Amino acid sequence: MARVELDELGDEDGTRVYLASSLREAQRVEALLGANEIEYAVAPETFVRNTLVIFPTSYVGAAFYVRSEHGPRSRALLAEGGLARGVVDDET
């Protein structure tokens, strides 16, 4: 499967599964989802990370969305592929 536009997934049908904090990480996610024939969309998303323990700094990452029915499988594949740190479980 290939990358699609976010609106192609539909508001009710799409679920966020991953937030990549670097280009390299995003490329790994794309490769894993693509190799497993999972249709996905990518959108920029701001996140906050503390630097020097107490100073929050904003960054822009890549949020990955898949169809809701592929959410659990996608999260499991990403975690098994060594990308557990960025897995997002919006369903809980």
C-alpha atoms as a PDB file:
ATOM      1  CA  MET A   1       0.000   0.000   0.000  1.00  0.00           C
ATOM      2  CA  ALA A   2       1.003   3.576  -0.365  1.00  0.00           C
ATOM      3  CA  ARG A   3       0.868   6.877   1.383  1.00  0.00           C
ATOM      4  CA  VAL A   4      -2.448   8.716   0.998  1.00  0.00           C
ATOM      5  CA  GLU A   5      -3.765  12.126   1.977  1.00  0.00           C
ATOM      6  CA  LEU A   6      -5.152  12.359   5.505  1.00  0.00           C
ATOM      7  CA  ASP A   7      -8.645  13.268   4.323  1.00  0.00           C
ATOM      8  CA  GLU A   8      -8.750  10.031   2.303  1.00  0.00           C
ATOM      9  CA  LEU A   9      -8.787   8.075   5.569  1.00  0.00           C
ATOM     10  CA  GLY A  10     -11.866   9.958   6.790  1.00  0.00           C
ATOM     11  CA  ASP A  11     -12.372  11.607  10.180  1.00  0.00           C
ATOM     12  CA  GLU A  12     -14.111   8.627  11.761  1.00  0.00           C
ATOM     13  CA  ASP A  13     -12.001   6.058   9.953  1.00  0.00           C
ATOM     14  CA  GLY A  14      -8.443   7.239  10.711  1.00  0.00           C
ATOM     15  CA  THR A  15      -6.451   6.683  13.889  1.00  0.00           C
ATOM     16  CA  ARG A  16      -3.020   8.005  14.875  1.00  0.00           C
ATOM     17  CA  VAL A  17      -0.509   5.207  15.471  1.00  0.00           C
ATOM     18  CA  TYR A  18       2.911   6.870  15.572  1.00  0.00           C
ATOM     19  CA  LEU A  19       4.694  10.162  16.192  1.00  0.00           C
ATOM     20  CA  ALA A  20       8.151  10.292  14.619  1.00  0.00           C
ATOM     21  CA  SER A  21      10.550  12.860  16.037  1.00  0.00           C
ATOM     22  CA  SER A  22      13.110  12.692  13.208  1.00  0.00           C
ATOM     23  CA  LEU A  23      13.234  12.195   9.453  1.00  0.00           C
ATOM     24  CA  ARG A  24      15.151   8.955   9.836  1.00  0.00           C
ATOM     25  CA  GLU A  25      12.536   7.584  12.228  1.00  0.00           C
ATOM     26  CA  ALA A  26       9.714   8.651   9.877  1.00  0.00           C
ATOM     27  CA  GLN A  27      11.421   6.866   6.991  1.00  0.00           C
ATOM     28  CA  ARG A  28      11.623   3.670   9.047  1.00  0.00           C
ATOM     29  CA  VAL A  29       7.899   3.920   9.852  1.00  0.00           C
ATOM     30  CA  GLU A  30       7.046   4.475   6.179  1.00  0.00           C
ATOM     31  CA  ALA A  31       9.150   1.479   5.151  1.00  0.00           C
ATOM     32  CA  LEU A  32       7.553  -0.788   7.759  1.00  0.00           C
ATOM     33  CA  LEU A  33       3.969   0.211   6.991  1.00  0.00           C
ATOM     34  CA  GLY A  34       4.573   0.046   3.243  1.00  0.00           C
ATOM     35  CA  ALA A  35       6.229  -3.386   3.434  1.00  0.00           C
ATOM     36  CA  ASN A  36       3.192  -4.676   5.324  1.00  0.00           C
ATOM     37  CA  GLU A  37       0.772  -3.174   2.784  1.00  0.00           C
ATOM     38  CA  ILE A  38      -0.855  -0.793   5.265  1.00  0.00           C
ATOM     39  CA  GLU A  39      -2.257   2.409   3.791  1.00  0.00           C
ATOM     40  CA  TYR A  40      -1.132   5.418   5.839  1.00  0.00           C
ATOM     41  CA  ALA A  41      -1.216   9.202   5.945  1.00  0.00           C
ATOM     42  CA  VAL A  42       1.337  11.592   7.447  1.00  0.00           C
ATOM     43  CA  ALA A  43       0.760  15.031   8.965  1.00  0.00           C
ATOM     44  CA  PRO A  44       3.017  17.434  10.864  1.00  0.00           C
ATOM     45  CA  GLU A  45       2.374  17.580  14.600  1.00  0.00           C
ATOM     46  CA  THR A  46       3.945  19.670  17.344  1.00  0.00           C
ATOM     47  CA  PHE A  47       5.182  17.936  20.471  1.00  0.00           C
ATOM     48  CA  VAL A  48       7.021  19.102  23.585  1.00  0.00           C
ATOM     49  CA  ARG A  49      10.170  17.545  24.971  1.00  0.00           C
ATOM     50  CA  ASN A  50      12.031  18.703  28.080  1.00  0.00           C
ATOM     51  CA  THR A  51      15.623  19.706  27.452  1.00  0.00           C
ATOM     52  CA  LEU A  52      18.083  19.915  30.295  1.00  0.00           C
ATOM     53  CA  VAL A  53      15.402  18.288  32.434  1.00  0.00           C
ATOM     54  CA  ILE A  54      13.303  21.404  33.101  1.00  0.00           C
ATOM     55  CA  PHE A  55      13.092  23.452  29.905  1.00  0.00           C
ATOM     56  CA  PRO A  56      10.216  22.396  27.653  1.00  0.00           C
ATOM     57  CA  THR A  57      10.974  22.860  23.957  1.00  0.00           C
ATOM     58  CA  SER A  58       8.522  22.484  21.074  1.00  0.00           C
ATOM     59  CA  TYR A  59       9.415  20.386  18.035  1.00  0.00           C
ATOM     60  CA  VAL A  60       7.550  19.351  14.905  1.00  0.00           C
ATOM     61  CA  GLY A  61       7.295  15.641  14.192  1.00  0.00           C
ATOM     62  CA  ALA A  62       5.510  13.424  11.710  1.00  0.00           C
ATOM     63  CA  ALA A  63       2.254  11.867  12.914  1.00  0.00           C
ATOM     64  CA  PHE A  64       1.236   8.673  11.117  1.00  0.00           C
ATOM     65  CA  TYR A  65      -2.404   7.718  10.680  1.00  0.00           C
ATOM     66  CA  VAL A  66      -3.948   4.478   9.424  1.00  0.00           C
ATOM     67  CA  ARG A  67      -7.495   3.231   9.024  1.00  0.00           C
ATOM     68  CA  SER A  68      -8.956   2.357  12.426  1.00  0.00           C
ATOM     69  CA  GLU A  69      -9.223  -1.341  11.621  1.00  0.00           C
ATOM     70  CA  HIS A  70      -5.453  -1.427  10.961  1.00  0.00           C
ATOM     71  CA  GLY A  71      -4.523   0.438  14.165  1.00  0.00           C
ATOM     72  CA  PRO A  72      -3.809  -2.500  16.484  1.00  0.00           C
ATOM     73  CA  ARG A  73      -1.837  -4.412  13.819  1.00  0.00           C
ATOM     74  CA  SER A  74       0.150  -1.295  12.864  1.00  0.00           C
ATOM     75  CA  ARG A  75       1.072  -0.523  16.465  1.00  0.00           C
ATOM     76  CA  ALA A  76       2.206  -4.110  17.031  1.00  0.00           C
ATOM     77  CA  LEU A  77       4.297  -4.143  13.835  1.00  0.00           C
ATOM     78  CA  LEU A  78       5.955  -0.843  14.722  1.00  0.00           C
ATOM     79  CA  ALA A  79       6.749  -1.975  18.272  1.00  0.00           C
ATOM     80  CA  GLU A  80       8.132  -5.300  17.032  1.00  0.00           C
ATOM     81  CA  GLY A  81      10.184  -3.394  14.446  1.00  0.00           C
ATOM     82  CA  GLY A  82      12.063  -1.528  17.178  1.00  0.00           C
ATOM     83  CA  LEU A  83       9.953   1.642  17.049  1.00  0.00           C
ATOM     84  CA  ALA A  84       8.018   1.233  20.315  1.00  0.00           C
ATOM     85  CA  ARG A  85       9.049   4.652  21.650  1.00  0.00           C
ATOM     86  CA  GLY A  86       6.880   6.590  19.205  1.00  0.00           C
ATOM     87  CA  VAL A  87       3.833   4.308  19.162  1.00  0.00           C
ATOM     88  CA  VAL A  88       0.693   6.240  20.055  1.00  0.00           C
ATOM     89  CA  ASP A  89      -2.397   4.496  21.366  1.00  0.00           C
ATOM     90  CA  ASP A  90      -5.213   7.025  20.926  1.00  0.00           C
ATOM     91  CA  GLU A  91      -7.756   4.281  21.551  1.00  0.00           C
ATOM     92  CA  THR A  92      -7.145   4.135  25.313  1.00  0.00           C
END
